[in-house]
């Protein structure tokens, strides 16, 4: 079997993460090139692949079959269209684009050419989240009535990339809280009916904290508490946590820690405990962190090889973007936004 030859657009931390995944862990794929960003030459040299002079050159190269887009959010749309027009399959980092219209145009560009378009929502592949999803689908806690989501990152603007602070990339909720939006859609298997929200902005003018309330078509209620504006050490286990209330029981889901369940008023039971991640140096590329990226990227490769839709589609990306933008609109207009 000829491996899928993958190019990466971007050269930052997430680009390096995907490069490690392809090089060390994936089956049926090889890393073939890098383009874009100040560190592209360094990244390409480290992994022994071509540093293409431009995104257009990478997309046009006949030895590239597929592309992973890790550039800033505001240029995802441009880069995705370049790849579609060149006939390349694409895995685009979340958020898919910065407007719903851009998302729709991206979907059309790939579907009309019968190309794979997948959106990177790695949290669907974290073990605690995956096990919680399976329990929900099996009816373990009954019909879900309420969910509280947390996405709290201390001193975020000091640790996030500088481009994340540019107005065209919208803010913390759009860039990172969108994981929580996707988890809500995934857990509930439902679409949002309405969104209300309040936000605050940083001195640079981007949104840094959001409290959003979402009602779903099955009458479930949810809220998201997203912020990068809190001091170290922050609150324990709130980087990516979900408290799920069902008619028969409850789930406490820490995407980077434990999964606990209580059913029929019984004491909490720990069903899974993830070992801690070493977020420094080589520890960031160990299996305990890389597992979700590996599974996601393998799904992208498998969907190409098998000629089918990926597990996470452009539609998933578009609908999450629509909810995030509705939260911003709700805050700006001080009203509840109804979604289609």
Protein backbone atom coordinates (compact mmCIF):
# COMPACT_ATOMS: atom_id res chain seq x y z
CA UNK A 1 0.00 0.00 0.00
CA UNK A 2 1.36 3.41 -0.98
CA UNK A 3 1.33 5.67 2.08
CA UNK A 4 -0.58 8.95 2.15
CA UNK A 5 1.97 11.74 1.80
CA UNK A 6 1.06 14.60 4.12
CA UNK A 7 2.14 18.23 4.05
CA UNK A 8 1.70 20.60 6.99
CA UNK A 9 0.80 24.28 6.68
CA UNK A 10 2.19 26.13 9.68
CA UNK A 11 5.21 25.55 11.88
CA UNK A 12 4.17 26.32 15.45
CA UNK A 13 3.51 24.04 18.41
CA UNK A 14 0.46 22.32 16.92
CA UNK A 15 2.23 21.85 13.58
CA UNK A 16 5.07 20.14 15.45
CA UNK A 17 2.53 17.98 17.31
CA UNK A 18 1.06 16.73 14.04
CA UNK A 19 4.55 16.19 12.61
CA UNK A 20 5.47 14.01 15.59
CA UNK A 21 2.21 12.09 15.24
CA UNK A 22 2.83 11.36 11.56
CA UNK A 23 6.48 10.49 12.03
CA UNK A 24 6.23 8.31 15.14
CA UNK A 25 2.74 6.90 15.34
CA UNK A 26 0.65 6.85 12.15
CA UNK A 27 0.19 3.87 9.87
CA UNK A 28 -0.22 4.35 6.14
CA UNK A 29 1.14 7.92 6.12
CA UNK A 30 4.42 9.80 5.84
CA UNK A 31 5.34 13.43 6.39
CA UNK A 32 6.32 14.97 3.06
CA UNK A 33 6.70 18.71 3.55
CA UNK A 34 6.11 21.89 5.55
CA UNK A 35 5.27 25.47 4.58
CA UNK A 36 4.36 28.66 6.38
CA UNK A 37 5.46 30.40 9.54
CA UNK A 38 8.80 31.59 10.84
CA UNK A 39 9.85 28.13 12.01
CA UNK A 40 9.06 26.22 8.82
CA UNK A 41 12.68 25.79 7.76
CA UNK A 42 13.65 24.52 11.22
CA UNK A 43 10.72 22.12 11.42
CA UNK A 44 11.34 20.77 7.92
CA UNK A 45 15.03 20.24 8.64
CA UNK A 46 14.31 18.49 11.93
CA UNK A 47 11.96 16.00 10.25
CA UNK A 48 13.99 15.65 7.06
CA UNK A 49 11.31 16.92 4.67
CA UNK A 50 10.95 19.69 2.10
CA UNK A 51 10.43 23.27 3.25
CA UNK A 52 8.20 24.61 0.48
CA UNK A 53 8.60 28.33 -0.32
CA UNK A 54 4.85 28.95 -0.14
CA UNK A 55 1.55 27.30 0.71
CA UNK A 56 0.71 27.35 -2.99
CA UNK A 57 3.88 25.42 -3.81
CA UNK A 58 3.13 22.80 -1.17
CA UNK A 59 -0.47 22.34 -2.34
CA UNK A 60 0.54 22.10 -5.99
CA UNK A 61 3.25 19.51 -5.45
CA UNK A 62 2.37 16.15 -7.04
CA UNK A 63 4.07 14.29 -4.19
CA UNK A 64 1.64 15.69 -1.61
CA UNK A 65 -1.67 13.83 -1.20
CA UNK A 66 -3.13 15.53 1.86
CA UNK A 67 -2.56 18.60 4.01
CA UNK A 68 -2.96 19.42 7.70
CA UNK A 69 -3.70 23.13 8.19
CA UNK A 70 -2.38 24.60 11.45
CA UNK A 71 -2.18 28.27 10.47
CA UNK A 72 -4.00 31.04 12.43
CA UNK A 73 -7.79 30.84 12.33
CA UNK A 74 -8.22 33.89 10.13
CA UNK A 75 -6.42 32.23 7.19
CA UNK A 76 -7.83 28.70 7.48
CA UNK A 77 -10.37 29.53 4.77
CA UNK A 78 -7.77 30.80 2.31
CA UNK A 79 -5.45 27.85 2.89
CA UNK A 80 -8.28 25.30 2.68
CA UNK A 81 -9.44 26.66 -0.68
CA UNK A 82 -5.88 26.57 -2.06
CA UNK A 83 -5.66 22.91 -1.08
CA UNK A 84 -9.10 22.04 -2.48
CA UNK A 85 -8.31 23.65 -5.81
CA UNK A 86 -5.09 21.63 -5.91
CA UNK A 87 -7.00 18.40 -5.24
CA UNK A 88 -5.64 17.74 -1.75
CA UNK A 89 -7.51 16.16 1.16
CA UNK A 90 -7.46 18.37 4.27
CA UNK A 91 -7.50 18.12 8.05
CA UNK A 92 -8.01 21.69 9.29
CA UNK A 93 -7.39 22.68 12.89
CA UNK A 94 -10.31 24.07 14.84
CA UNK A 95 -11.99 26.49 14.45
CA UNK A 96 -12.68 25.63 10.83
CA UNK A 97 -12.91 29.29 9.70
CA UNK A 98 -14.00 32.64 11.15
CA UNK A 99 -17.43 32.96 9.50
CA UNK A 100 -20.26 30.55 8.76
CA UNK A 101 -20.18 31.55 5.08
CA UNK A 102 -16.49 30.62 4.89
CA UNK A 103 -17.27 27.25 6.46
CA UNK A 104 -20.04 26.59 3.92
CA UNK A 105 -17.79 27.59 1.01
CA UNK A 106 -15.07 25.30 2.31
CA UNK A 107 -17.50 22.38 2.58
CA UNK A 108 -18.73 22.96 -0.98
CA UNK A 109 -15.18 23.20 -2.36
CA UNK A 110 -14.28 19.78 -0.96
CA UNK A 111 -17.57 17.95 -1.53
CA UNK A 112 -17.75 19.08 -5.17
CA UNK A 113 -14.31 17.58 -5.74
CA UNK A 114 -15.01 14.44 -3.65
CA UNK A 115 -12.13 15.28 -1.31
CA UNK A 116 -11.94 14.47 2.41
CA UNK A 117 -12.42 17.45 4.71
CA UNK A 118 -11.98 16.78 8.43
CA UNK A 119 -11.95 19.26 11.32
CA UNK A 120 -9.52 18.74 14.20
CA UNK A 121 -11.42 18.28 17.46
CA UNK A 122 -8.93 16.18 19.40
CA UNK A 123 -11.01 16.21 22.57
CA UNK A 124 -13.30 13.61 20.98
CA UNK A 125 -10.33 11.24 21.18
CA UNK A 126 -9.30 11.86 24.79
CA UNK A 127 -10.06 8.71 26.77
CA UNK A 128 -12.25 10.21 29.50
CA UNK A 129 -14.37 12.02 26.92
CA UNK A 130 -14.66 8.95 24.69
CA UNK A 131 -15.76 6.72 27.56
CA UNK A 132 -18.29 9.32 28.71
CA UNK A 133 -19.72 9.50 25.19
CA UNK A 134 -20.15 5.73 25.13
CA UNK A 135 -21.92 5.77 28.51
CA UNK A 136 -24.27 8.52 27.36
CA UNK A 137 -25.11 6.67 24.14
CA UNK A 138 -25.74 3.47 26.14
CA UNK A 139 -28.24 5.34 28.33
CA UNK A 140 -26.23 4.87 31.52
CA UNK A 141 -27.43 8.16 33.07
CA UNK A 142 -30.69 8.49 31.12
CA UNK A 143 -31.74 11.51 29.08
CA UNK A 144 -29.40 14.47 29.62
CA UNK A 145 -31.07 17.56 31.07
CA UNK A 146 -28.14 19.86 31.89
CA UNK A 147 -24.41 20.22 31.23
CA UNK A 148 -21.89 22.66 32.70
CA UNK A 149 -18.67 23.08 30.70
CA UNK A 150 -15.41 24.59 31.95
CA UNK A 151 -12.50 25.90 29.86
CA UNK A 152 -10.34 27.87 32.28
CA UNK A 153 -6.68 28.57 31.48
CA UNK A 154 -4.64 30.72 33.89
CA UNK A 155 -2.62 33.58 32.38
CA UNK A 156 -3.68 32.53 28.89
CA UNK A 157 -2.49 35.61 27.02
CA UNK A 158 1.01 35.05 28.39
CA UNK A 159 1.18 31.47 27.12
CA UNK A 160 -0.96 31.45 23.96
CA UNK A 161 0.67 32.41 20.64
CA UNK A 162 0.81 36.12 19.77
CA UNK A 163 -1.40 35.67 16.72
CA UNK A 164 -4.19 34.53 19.05
CA UNK A 165 -4.31 38.10 20.41
CA UNK A 166 -5.00 39.63 16.99
CA UNK A 167 -8.60 40.83 16.47
CA UNK A 168 -9.04 38.83 13.26
CA UNK A 169 -8.71 35.59 15.27
CA UNK A 170 -11.61 36.70 17.53
CA UNK A 171 -10.70 35.45 20.98
CA UNK A 172 -10.25 32.76 23.61
CA UNK A 173 -13.78 31.36 23.46
CA UNK A 174 -13.62 31.06 19.67
CA UNK A 175 -10.14 29.57 19.65
CA UNK A 176 -10.35 27.19 22.62
CA UNK A 177 -13.88 27.17 24.08
CA UNK A 178 -15.00 25.84 20.71
CA UNK A 179 -13.76 22.45 21.95
CA UNK A 180 -16.45 22.63 24.63
CA UNK A 181 -19.07 23.53 22.04
CA UNK A 182 -18.13 20.51 19.99
CA UNK A 183 -18.19 18.27 23.05
CA UNK A 184 -21.72 19.47 23.83
CA UNK A 185 -22.92 18.68 20.30
CA UNK A 186 -21.19 15.30 20.45
CA UNK A 187 -22.45 14.30 23.89
CA UNK A 188 -26.01 15.46 23.25
CA UNK A 189 -26.27 14.28 19.63
CA UNK A 190 -28.37 17.39 19.14
CA UNK A 191 -28.28 20.87 17.60
CA UNK A 192 -28.43 24.20 19.41
CA UNK A 193 -31.68 26.14 19.45
CA UNK A 194 -30.59 29.40 21.08
CA UNK A 195 -27.55 31.11 22.60
CA UNK A 196 -27.13 33.92 25.12
CA UNK A 197 -23.83 35.17 26.51
CA UNK A 198 -21.76 37.83 28.26
CA UNK A 199 -18.12 38.52 27.41
CA UNK A 200 -15.18 40.63 28.53
CA UNK A 201 -12.26 41.78 26.40
CA UNK A 202 -8.55 42.15 27.04
CA UNK A 203 -6.62 45.39 26.68
CA UNK A 204 -5.76 44.31 23.12
CA UNK A 205 -9.46 44.23 22.27
CA UNK A 206 -10.03 40.49 21.90
CA UNK A 207 -12.55 38.45 23.87
CA UNK A 208 -10.84 36.79 26.82
CA UNK A 209 -13.73 35.59 29.01
CA UNK A 210 -17.16 34.28 28.07
CA UNK A 211 -20.13 32.88 29.97
CA UNK A 212 -22.54 31.34 27.46
CA UNK A 213 -25.87 29.58 27.88
CA UNK A 214 -27.09 27.23 25.13
CA UNK A 215 -30.50 25.60 24.84
CA UNK A 216 -30.76 22.56 22.60
CA UNK A 217 -33.63 21.29 20.46
CA UNK A 218 -34.26 18.41 22.88
CA UNK A 219 -34.71 21.03 25.68
CA UNK A 220 -31.41 20.21 27.36
CA UNK A 221 -29.66 23.24 28.85
CA UNK A 222 -25.92 23.91 28.96
CA UNK A 223 -23.50 26.61 29.99
CA UNK A 224 -19.86 27.25 29.17
CA UNK A 225 -17.48 29.10 31.45
CA UNK A 226 -14.48 30.01 29.30
CA UNK A 227 -11.65 32.28 30.36
CA UNK A 228 -7.96 32.94 29.99
CA UNK A 229 -8.13 35.79 32.50
CA UNK A 230 -7.39 34.12 35.83
CA UNK A 231 -4.21 33.86 37.83
CA UNK A 232 -2.08 30.79 38.48
CA UNK A 233 -2.82 28.19 39.78
CA UNK A 234 -6.38 28.51 38.53
CA UNK A 235 -9.00 25.98 39.64
CA UNK A 236 -8.12 22.27 39.71
CA UNK A 237 -9.47 20.11 36.87
CA UNK A 238 -11.19 22.95 35.00
CA UNK A 239 -9.02 23.18 31.88
CA UNK A 240 -11.54 20.99 30.08
CA UNK A 241 -14.23 19.64 32.36
CA UNK A 242 -17.89 18.72 31.93
CA UNK A 243 -20.54 18.13 34.61
CA UNK A 244 -23.39 16.17 33.03
CA UNK A 245 -26.80 15.70 34.65
CA UNK A 246 -29.09 12.95 33.39
CA UNK A 247 -32.48 11.72 34.53
CA UNK A 248 -30.89 8.62 36.14
CA UNK A 249 -27.46 9.84 37.14
CA UNK A 250 -24.48 12.15 36.61
CA UNK A 251 -21.07 12.20 34.94
CA UNK A 252 -18.05 14.26 35.97
CA UNK A 253 -15.73 14.30 32.95
CA UNK A 254 -12.23 15.78 33.14
CA UNK A 255 -10.77 15.63 29.65
CA UNK A 256 -7.27 15.53 31.16
CA UNK A 257 -8.04 13.47 34.26
CA UNK A 258 -10.76 11.33 35.78
CA UNK A 259 -14.16 10.13 34.59
CA UNK A 260 -16.60 9.62 37.46
CA UNK A 261 -20.22 8.48 37.48
CA UNK A 262 -23.07 8.33 39.97
CA UNK A 263 -26.29 6.47 39.09
CA UNK A 264 -29.50 6.09 41.11
CA UNK A 265 -28.15 8.24 43.97
CA UNK A 266 -25.21 5.88 44.58
CA UNK A 267 -21.78 7.25 45.60
CA UNK A 268 -19.45 8.53 42.91
CA UNK A 269 -17.44 5.80 41.16
CA UNK A 270 -14.18 6.53 39.32
CA UNK A 271 -14.35 4.71 36.00
CA UNK A 272 -11.12 6.02 34.49
CA UNK A 273 -8.11 7.99 35.66
CA UNK A 274 -5.68 9.44 33.15
CA UNK A 275 -2.04 9.65 34.29
CA UNK A 276 -0.78 13.25 34.49
CA UNK A 277 0.71 14.87 31.41
CA UNK A 278 4.21 16.32 31.61
CA UNK A 279 3.66 19.61 29.76
CA UNK A 280 7.36 20.44 29.56
CA UNK A 281 9.83 19.46 26.90
CA UNK A 282 9.67 15.96 25.49
CA UNK A 283 6.83 15.07 27.84
CA UNK A 284 4.49 17.02 25.62
CA UNK A 285 5.11 14.49 22.85
CA UNK A 286 4.68 11.35 24.96
CA UNK A 287 1.80 8.99 24.24
CA UNK A 288 -0.32 10.25 27.15
CA UNK A 289 -0.72 13.63 25.40
CA UNK A 290 -0.22 12.47 21.83
CA UNK A 291 -2.83 9.71 21.96
CA UNK A 292 -5.74 11.94 20.99
CA UNK A 293 -3.80 13.50 18.11
CA UNK A 294 -2.66 10.09 16.91
CA UNK A 295 -6.18 8.68 16.89
CA UNK A 296 -7.57 11.76 15.17
CA UNK A 297 -4.85 11.91 12.53
CA UNK A 298 -5.15 8.17 11.93
CA UNK A 299 -8.88 8.63 11.31
CA UNK A 300 -8.04 11.30 8.73
CA UNK A 301 -5.63 8.96 6.95
CA UNK A 302 -8.04 6.01 7.14
CA UNK A 303 -10.92 8.03 5.69
CA UNK A 304 -8.75 8.85 2.66
CA UNK A 305 -7.59 5.27 2.21
CA UNK A 306 -11.14 3.92 2.59
CA UNK A 307 -12.81 6.58 0.46
CA UNK A 308 -15.35 7.64 3.11
CA UNK A 309 -16.37 10.60 5.23
CA UNK A 310 -14.25 11.19 8.33
CA UNK A 311 -15.67 10.91 11.84
CA UNK A 312 -15.60 14.70 12.26
CA UNK A 313 -16.86 16.54 9.19
CA UNK A 314 -16.98 20.04 7.82
CA UNK A 315 -20.56 20.21 9.06
CA UNK A 316 -19.33 19.64 12.61
CA UNK A 317 -16.83 22.44 12.17
CA UNK A 318 -19.43 24.82 10.71
CA UNK A 319 -22.02 24.23 13.41
CA UNK A 320 -19.53 24.80 16.20
CA UNK A 321 -18.40 28.04 14.57
CA UNK A 322 -22.05 29.15 14.26
CA UNK A 323 -22.63 28.62 17.99
CA UNK A 324 -19.44 30.46 18.99
CA UNK A 325 -20.27 33.43 16.75
CA UNK A 326 -23.83 33.47 18.08
CA UNK A 327 -22.41 33.83 21.60
CA UNK A 328 -20.41 36.88 20.50
CA UNK A 329 -23.48 38.33 18.79
CA UNK A 330 -25.65 37.68 21.83
CA UNK A 331 -23.20 39.53 24.07
CA UNK A 332 -22.87 42.46 21.66
CA UNK A 333 -26.62 42.86 21.15
CA UNK A 334 -27.71 41.89 24.68
CA UNK A 335 -30.27 39.41 23.44
CA UNK A 336 -30.87 35.71 22.89
CA UNK A 337 -29.81 34.55 19.42
CA UNK A 338 -32.00 31.95 17.76
CA UNK A 339 -30.17 29.41 15.61
CA UNK A 340 -31.56 27.59 12.59
